[in-house]
């Protein structure tokens, strides 16, 4: 890894904007990962996921994860 190339590329304004944008999105994602979902019962959600995992229908489990998309 050549640090001179990294330092030189970070002097470019466009590269700075892209790197700080990605870092900012990662920080926001990590913060929001700890925010609980309102009105979601953890017990019911656990039951649904466990029943989907135990079933042999892989397509149904993927459908559960993707929201029916």
PDB file of N, CA and C in Angstrom:
ATOM      1  N   UNK A   1       0.853  -1.168   0.000  1.00  0.00           N
ATOM      2  CA  UNK A   1       0.000   0.000   0.000  1.00  0.00           C
ATOM      3  C   UNK A   1       0.901   1.234   0.000  1.00  0.00           C
ATOM      4  N   UNK A   2       0.707   2.078  -0.970  1.00  0.00           N
ATOM      5  CA  UNK A   2       1.534   3.262  -1.111  1.00  0.00           C
ATOM      6  C   UNK A   2       0.783   4.463  -0.538  1.00  0.00           C
ATOM      7  N   UNK A   3       1.250   4.956   0.604  1.00  0.00           N
ATOM      8  CA  UNK A   3       0.565   6.057   1.295  1.00  0.00           C
ATOM      9  C   UNK A   3       0.655   7.360   0.524  1.00  0.00           C
ATOM     10  N   UNK A   4       1.697   7.529  -0.284  1.00  0.00           N
ATOM     11  CA  UNK A   4       1.834   8.765  -1.063  1.00  0.00           C
ATOM     12  C   UNK A   4       0.692   8.903  -2.066  1.00  0.00           C
ATOM     13  N   UNK A   5       0.310   7.797  -2.674  1.00  0.00           N
ATOM     14  CA  UNK A   5      -0.794   7.823  -3.639  1.00  0.00           C
ATOM     15  C   UNK A   5      -2.103   8.149  -2.932  1.00  0.00           C
ATOM     16  N   UNK A   6      -2.298   7.575  -1.747  1.00  0.00           N
ATOM     17  CA  UNK A   6      -3.528   7.841  -0.997  1.00  0.00           C
ATOM     18  C   UNK A   6      -3.601   9.302  -0.585  1.00  0.00           C
ATOM     19  N   UNK A   7      -2.504   9.851  -0.081  1.00  0.00           N
ATOM     20  CA  UNK A   7      -2.484  11.260   0.333  1.00  0.00           C
ATOM     21  C   UNK A   7      -2.698  12.161  -0.873  1.00  0.00           C
ATOM     22  N   UNK A   8      -2.076  11.833  -1.990  1.00  0.00           N
ATOM     23  CA  UNK A   8      -2.230  12.638  -3.201  1.00  0.00           C
ATOM     24  C   UNK A   8      -3.666  12.602  -3.709  1.00  0.00           C
ATOM     25  N   UNK A   9      -4.300  11.435  -3.652  1.00  0.00           N
ATOM     26  CA  UNK A   9      -5.675  11.343  -4.134  1.00  0.00           C
ATOM     27  C   UNK A   9      -6.643  12.045  -3.193  1.00  0.00           C
ATOM     28  N   UNK A  10      -6.327  12.129  -1.913  1.00  0.00           N
ATOM     29  CA  UNK A  10      -7.213  12.811  -0.966  1.00  0.00           C
ATOM     30  C   UNK A  10      -7.130  14.332  -1.102  1.00  0.00           C
ATOM     31  N   UNK A  11      -6.146  14.832  -1.805  1.00  0.00           N
ATOM     32  CA  UNK A  11      -6.070  16.275  -2.059  1.00  0.00           C
ATOM     33  C   UNK A  11      -7.068  16.702  -3.124  1.00  0.00           C
ATOM     34  N   UNK A  12      -7.568  15.750  -3.884  1.00  0.00           N
ATOM     35  CA  UNK A  12      -8.570  16.016  -4.909  1.00  0.00           C
ATOM     36  C   UNK A  12      -9.923  16.244  -4.228  1.00  0.00           C
ATOM     37  N   UNK A  13     -10.577  17.360  -4.530  1.00  0.00           N
ATOM     38  CA  UNK A  13     -11.842  17.721  -3.880  1.00  0.00           C
ATOM     39  C   UNK A  13     -12.945  16.703  -4.167  1.00  0.00           C
ATOM     40  N   UNK A  14     -12.997  16.196  -5.394  1.00  0.00           N
ATOM     41  CA  UNK A  14     -14.028  15.223  -5.737  1.00  0.00           C
ATOM     42  C   UNK A  14     -13.842  13.934  -4.932  1.00  0.00           C
ATOM     43  N   UNK A  15     -12.605  13.499  -4.787  1.00  0.00           N
ATOM     44  CA  UNK A  15     -12.328  12.284  -4.016  1.00  0.00           C
ATOM     45  C   UNK A  15     -12.661  12.496  -2.541  1.00  0.00           C
ATOM     46  N   UNK A  16     -12.359  13.675  -2.009  1.00  0.00           N
ATOM     47  CA  UNK A  16     -12.700  13.976  -0.616  1.00  0.00           C
ATOM     48  C   UNK A  16     -14.207  13.893  -0.405  1.00  0.00           C
ATOM     49  N   UNK A  17     -14.961  14.470  -1.340  1.00  0.00           N
ATOM     50  CA  UNK A  17     -16.411  14.474  -1.218  1.00  0.00           C
ATOM     51  C   UNK A  17     -16.953  13.045  -1.226  1.00  0.00           C
ATOM     52  N   UNK A  18     -16.412  12.208  -2.095  1.00  0.00           N
ATOM     53  CA  UNK A  18     -16.880  10.823  -2.181  1.00  0.00           C
ATOM     54  C   UNK A  18     -16.531  10.027  -0.921  1.00  0.00           C
ATOM     55  N   UNK A  19     -15.307  10.169  -0.459  1.00  0.00           N
ATOM     56  CA  UNK A  19     -14.877   9.413   0.725  1.00  0.00           C
ATOM     57  C   UNK A  19     -15.660   9.854   1.951  1.00  0.00           C
ATOM     58  N   UNK A  20     -15.806  11.163   2.154  1.00  0.00           N
ATOM     59  CA  UNK A  20     -16.543  11.645   3.319  1.00  0.00           C
ATOM     60  C   UNK A  20     -18.029  11.303   3.211  1.00  0.00           C
ATOM     61  N   UNK A  21     -18.559  11.239   2.012  1.00  0.00           N
ATOM     62  CA  UNK A  21     -19.947  10.821   1.832  1.00  0.00           C
ATOM     63  C   UNK A  21     -20.158   9.379   2.251  1.00  0.00           C
ATOM     64  N   UNK A  22     -19.242   8.506   1.846  1.00  0.00           N
ATOM     65  CA  UNK A  22     -19.344   7.091   2.215  1.00  0.00           C
ATOM     66  C   UNK A  22     -19.167   6.917   3.719  1.00  0.00           C
ATOM     67  N   UNK A  23     -18.193   7.610   4.295  1.00  0.00           N
ATOM     68  CA  UNK A  23     -17.973   7.518   5.741  1.00  0.00           C
ATOM     69  C   UNK A  23     -19.188   8.049   6.494  1.00  0.00           C
ATOM     70  N   UNK A  24     -19.766   9.134   6.009  1.00  0.00           N
ATOM     71  CA  UNK A  24     -20.964   9.685   6.640  1.00  0.00           C
ATOM     72  C   UNK A  24     -22.127   8.714   6.595  1.00  0.00           C
ATOM     73  N   UNK A  25     -22.329   8.059   5.454  1.00  0.00           N
ATOM     74  CA  UNK A  25     -23.399   7.061   5.347  1.00  0.00           C
ATOM     75  C   UNK A  25     -23.163   5.877   6.280  1.00  0.00           C
ATOM     76  N   UNK A  26     -21.908   5.460   6.428  1.00  0.00           N
ATOM     77  CA  UNK A  26     -21.609   4.366   7.344  1.00  0.00           C
ATOM     78  C   UNK A  26     -21.896   4.750   8.793  1.00  0.00           C
ATOM     79  N   UNK A  27     -21.567   5.986   9.158  1.00  0.00           N
ATOM     80  CA  UNK A  27     -21.843   6.454  10.520  1.00  0.00           C
ATOM     81  C   UNK A  27     -23.347   6.500  10.770  1.00  0.00           C
ATOM     82  N   UNK A  28     -24.098   7.021   9.812  1.00  0.00           N
ATOM     83  CA  UNK A  28     -25.557   7.083   9.959  1.00  0.00           C
ATOM     84  C   UNK A  28     -26.136   5.678  10.066  1.00  0.00           C
ATOM     85  N   UNK A  29     -25.668   4.748   9.242  1.00  0.00           N
ATOM     86  CA  UNK A  29     -26.161   3.371   9.283  1.00  0.00           C
ATOM     87  C   UNK A  29     -25.877   2.733  10.631  1.00  0.00           C
ATOM     88  N   UNK A  30     -24.654   2.911  11.141  1.00  0.00           N
ATOM     89  CA  UNK A  30     -24.297   2.315  12.431  1.00  0.00           C
ATOM     90  C   UNK A  30     -25.125   2.905  13.565  1.00  0.00           C
ATOM     91  N   UNK A  31     -25.439   4.192  13.481  1.00  0.00           N
ATOM     92  CA  UNK A  31     -26.268   4.823  14.506  1.00  0.00           C
ATOM     93  C   UNK A  31     -27.693   4.290  14.442  1.00  0.00           C
ATOM     94  N   UNK A  32     -28.264   4.231  13.262  1.00  0.00           N
ATOM     95  CA  UNK A  32     -29.652   3.800  13.116  1.00  0.00           C
ATOM     96  C   UNK A  32     -29.831   2.302  13.371  1.00  0.00           C
ATOM     97  N   UNK A  33     -28.749   1.531  13.329  1.00  0.00           N
ATOM     98  CA  UNK A  33     -28.854   0.102  13.614  1.00  0.00           C
ATOM     99  C   UNK A  33     -29.217  -0.153  15.071  1.00  0.00           C
ATOM    100  N   UNK A  34     -28.977   0.827  15.942  1.00  0.00           N
ATOM    101  CA  UNK A  34     -29.259   0.667  17.365  1.00  0.00           C
ATOM    102  C   UNK A  34     -30.575   1.299  17.783  1.00  0.00           C
ATOM    103  N   UNK A  35     -31.297   1.897  16.861  1.00  0.00           N
ATOM    104  CA  UNK A  35     -32.583   2.516  17.170  1.00  0.00           C
ATOM    105  C   UNK A  35     -33.668   1.445  17.049  1.00  0.00           C
ATOM    106  N   UNK A  36     -34.430   1.221  18.107  1.00  0.00           N
ATOM    107  CA  UNK A  36     -35.462   0.183  18.032  1.00  0.00           C
ATOM    108  C   UNK A  36     -36.627   0.595  17.138  1.00  0.00           C
ATOM    109  N   UNK A  37     -37.278  -0.392  16.563  1.00  0.00           N
ATOM    110  CA  UNK A  37     -38.435  -0.152  15.704  1.00  0.00           C
ATOM    111  C   UNK A  37     -39.660   0.003  16.600  1.00  0.00           C
ATOM    112  N   UNK A  38     -40.386   1.106  16.490  1.00  0.00           N
ATOM    113  CA  UNK A  38     -41.563   1.274  17.348  1.00  0.00           C
ATOM    114  C   UNK A  38     -42.690   0.312  16.953  1.00  0.00           C
ATOM    115  N   UNK A  39     -43.453  -0.093  17.936  1.00  0.00           N
ATOM    116  CA  UNK A  39     -44.626  -0.953  17.767  1.00  0.00           C
ATOM    117  C   UNK A  39     -44.287  -2.350  17.257  1.00  0.00           C
ATOM    118  N   UNK A  40     -43.046  -2.778  17.376  1.00  0.00           N
ATOM    119  CA  UNK A  40     -42.667  -4.126  16.952  1.00  0.00           C
ATOM    120  C   UNK A  40     -42.488  -4.988  18.196  1.00  0.00           C
ATOM    121  N   UNK A  41     -43.243  -6.053  18.285  1.00  0.00           N
ATOM    122  CA  UNK A  41     -43.135  -6.979  19.402  1.00  0.00           C
ATOM    123  C   UNK A  41     -42.019  -7.968  19.085  1.00  0.00           C
ATOM    124  N   UNK A  42     -40.984  -7.971  19.908  1.00  0.00           N
ATOM    125  CA  UNK A  42     -39.820  -8.816  19.643  1.00  0.00           C
ATOM    126  C   UNK A  42     -40.180 -10.297  19.672  1.00  0.00           C
ATOM    127  N   UNK A  43     -41.086 -10.690  20.550  1.00  0.00           N
ATOM    128  CA  UNK A  43     -41.480 -12.100  20.632  1.00  0.00           C
ATOM    129  C   UNK A  43     -42.169 -12.579  19.371  1.00  0.00           C
ATOM    130  N   UNK A  44     -43.095 -11.774  18.855  1.00  0.00           N
ATOM    131  CA  UNK A  44     -43.799 -12.155  17.623  1.00  0.00           C
ATOM    132  C   UNK A  44     -42.856 -12.195  16.433  1.00  0.00           C
ATOM    133  N   UNK A  45     -41.961 -11.229  16.361  1.00  0.00           N
ATOM    134  CA  UNK A  45     -41.000 -11.189  15.263  1.00  0.00           C
ATOM    135  C   UNK A  45     -40.089 -12.410  15.300  1.00  0.00           C
ATOM    136  N   UNK A  46     -39.670 -12.795  16.506  1.00  0.00           N
ATOM    137  CA  UNK A  46     -38.809 -13.965  16.646  1.00  0.00           C
ATOM    138  C   UNK A  46     -39.542 -15.232  16.200  1.00  0.00           C
ATOM    139  N   UNK A  47     -40.827 -15.347  16.547  1.00  0.00           N
ATOM    140  CA  UNK A  47     -41.626 -16.502  16.120  1.00  0.00           C
ATOM    141  C   UNK A  47     -41.715 -16.598  14.600  1.00  0.00           C
ATOM    142  N   UNK A  48     -41.965 -15.479  13.961  1.00  0.00           N
ATOM    143  CA  UNK A  48     -42.106 -15.468  12.503  1.00  0.00           C
ATOM    144  C   UNK A  48     -40.804 -15.888  11.833  1.00  0.00           C
ATOM    145  N   UNK A  49     -39.688 -15.337  12.303  1.00  0.00           N
ATOM    146  CA  UNK A  49     -38.396 -15.660  11.695  1.00  0.00           C
ATOM    147  C   UNK A  49     -38.043 -17.122  11.943  1.00  0.00           C
ATOM    148  N   UNK A  50     -38.271 -17.611  13.162  1.00  0.00           N
ATOM    149  CA  UNK A  50     -37.955 -19.013  13.460  1.00  0.00           C
ATOM    150  C   UNK A  50     -38.809 -19.973  12.636  1.00  0.00           C
ATOM    151  N   UNK A  51     -40.090 -19.660  12.473  1.00  0.00           N
ATOM    152  CA  UNK A  51     -40.941 -20.543  11.669  1.00  0.00           C
ATOM    153  C   UNK A  51     -40.520 -20.520  10.200  1.00  0.00           C
ATOM    154  N   UNK A  52     -40.074 -19.374   9.726  1.00  0.00           N
ATOM    155  CA  UNK A  52     -39.619 -19.291   8.335  1.00  0.00           C
ATOM    156  C   UNK A  52     -38.313 -20.049   8.139  1.00  0.00           C
ATOM    157  N   UNK A  53     -37.451 -20.019   9.149  1.00  0.00           N
ATOM    158  CA  UNK A  53     -36.173 -20.728   9.045  1.00  0.00           C
ATOM    159  C   UNK A  53     -36.395 -22.238   9.105  1.00  0.00           C
ATOM    160  N   UNK A  54     -37.315 -22.682   9.973  1.00  0.00           N
ATOM    161  CA  UNK A  54     -37.559 -24.119  10.137  1.00  0.00           C
ATOM    162  C   UNK A  54     -38.260 -24.737   8.933  1.00  0.00           C
ATOM    163  N   UNK A  55     -39.000 -23.943   8.194  1.00  0.00           N
ATOM    164  CA  UNK A  55     -39.682 -24.501   7.030  1.00  0.00           C
ATOM    165  C   UNK A  55     -38.663 -24.821   5.942  1.00  0.00           C
ATOM    166  N   UNK A  56     -39.010 -25.772   5.101  1.00  0.00           N
ATOM    167  CA  UNK A  56     -38.077 -26.198   4.058  1.00  0.00           C
ATOM    168  C   UNK A  56     -38.185 -25.343   2.805  1.00  0.00           C
ATOM    169  N   UNK A  57     -39.112 -24.400   2.813  1.00  0.00           N
ATOM    170  CA  UNK A  57     -39.341 -23.557   1.645  1.00  0.00           C
ATOM    171  C   UNK A  57     -38.341 -22.398   1.640  1.00  0.00           C
ATOM    172  N   UNK A  58     -37.262 -22.534   0.906  1.00  0.00           N
ATOM    173  CA  UNK A  58     -36.248 -21.486   0.842  1.00  0.00           C
ATOM    174  C   UNK A  58     -36.792 -20.233   0.180  1.00  0.00           C
ATOM    175  N   UNK A  59     -37.643 -20.399  -0.798  1.00  0.00           N
ATOM    176  CA  UNK A  59     -38.236 -19.245  -1.478  1.00  0.00           C
ATOM    177  C   UNK A  59     -39.084 -18.412  -0.537  1.00  0.00           C
ATOM    178  N   UNK A  60     -39.808 -19.064   0.371  1.00  0.00           N
ATOM    179  CA  UNK A  60     -40.618 -18.343   1.351  1.00  0.00           C
ATOM    180  C   UNK A  60     -39.758 -17.552   2.315  1.00  0.00           C
ATOM    181  N   UNK A  61     -38.623 -18.131   2.717  1.00  0.00           N
ATOM    182  CA  UNK A  61     -37.716 -17.422   3.621  1.00  0.00           C
ATOM    183  C   UNK A  61     -37.100 -16.211   2.933  1.00  0.00           C
ATOM    184  N   UNK A  62     -36.702 -16.372   1.691  1.00  0.00           N
ATOM    185  CA  UNK A  62     -36.142 -15.240   0.946  1.00  0.00           C
ATOM    186  C   UNK A  62     -37.212 -14.178   0.739  1.00  0.00           C
ATOM    187  N   UNK A  63     -38.440 -14.603   0.499  1.00  0.00           N
ATOM    188  CA  UNK A  63     -39.553 -13.675   0.354  1.00  0.00           C
ATOM    189  C   UNK A  63     -39.768 -12.888   1.646  1.00  0.00           C
ATOM    190  N   UNK A  64     -39.611 -13.548   2.806  1.00  0.00           N
ATOM    191  CA  UNK A  64     -39.737 -12.875   4.094  1.00  0.00           C
ATOM    192  C   UNK A  64     -38.662 -11.809   4.258  1.00  0.00           C
ATOM    193  N   UNK A  65     -37.431 -12.141   3.882  1.00  0.00           N
ATOM    194  CA  UNK A  65     -36.324 -11.202   4.047  1.00  0.00           C
ATOM    195  C   UNK A  65     -36.416 -10.015   3.100  1.00  0.00           C
ATOM    196  N   UNK A  66     -36.920 -10.234   1.906  1.00  0.00           N
ATOM    197  CA  UNK A  66     -36.952  -9.156   0.920  1.00  0.00           C
ATOM    198  C   UNK A  66     -38.243  -8.371   0.942  1.00  0.00           C
ATOM    199  N   UNK A  67     -39.180  -8.766   1.771  1.00  0.00           N
ATOM    200  CA  UNK A  67     -40.436  -8.033   1.852  1.00  0.00           C
ATOM    201  C   UNK A  67     -41.369  -8.312   0.695  1.00  0.00           C
ATOM    202  N   UNK A  68     -41.246  -9.456   0.088  1.00  0.00           N
ATOM    203  CA  UNK A  68     -42.135  -9.830  -1.002  1.00  0.00           C
ATOM    204  C   UNK A  68     -41.717  -9.282  -2.353  1.00  0.00           C
ATOM    205  N   UNK A  69     -40.517  -8.756  -2.436  1.00  0.00           N
ATOM    206  CA  UNK A  69     -40.062  -8.189  -3.708  1.00  0.00           C
ATOM    207  C   UNK A  69     -39.483  -9.271  -4.593  1.00  0.00           C
TER     208      UNK A  69
END
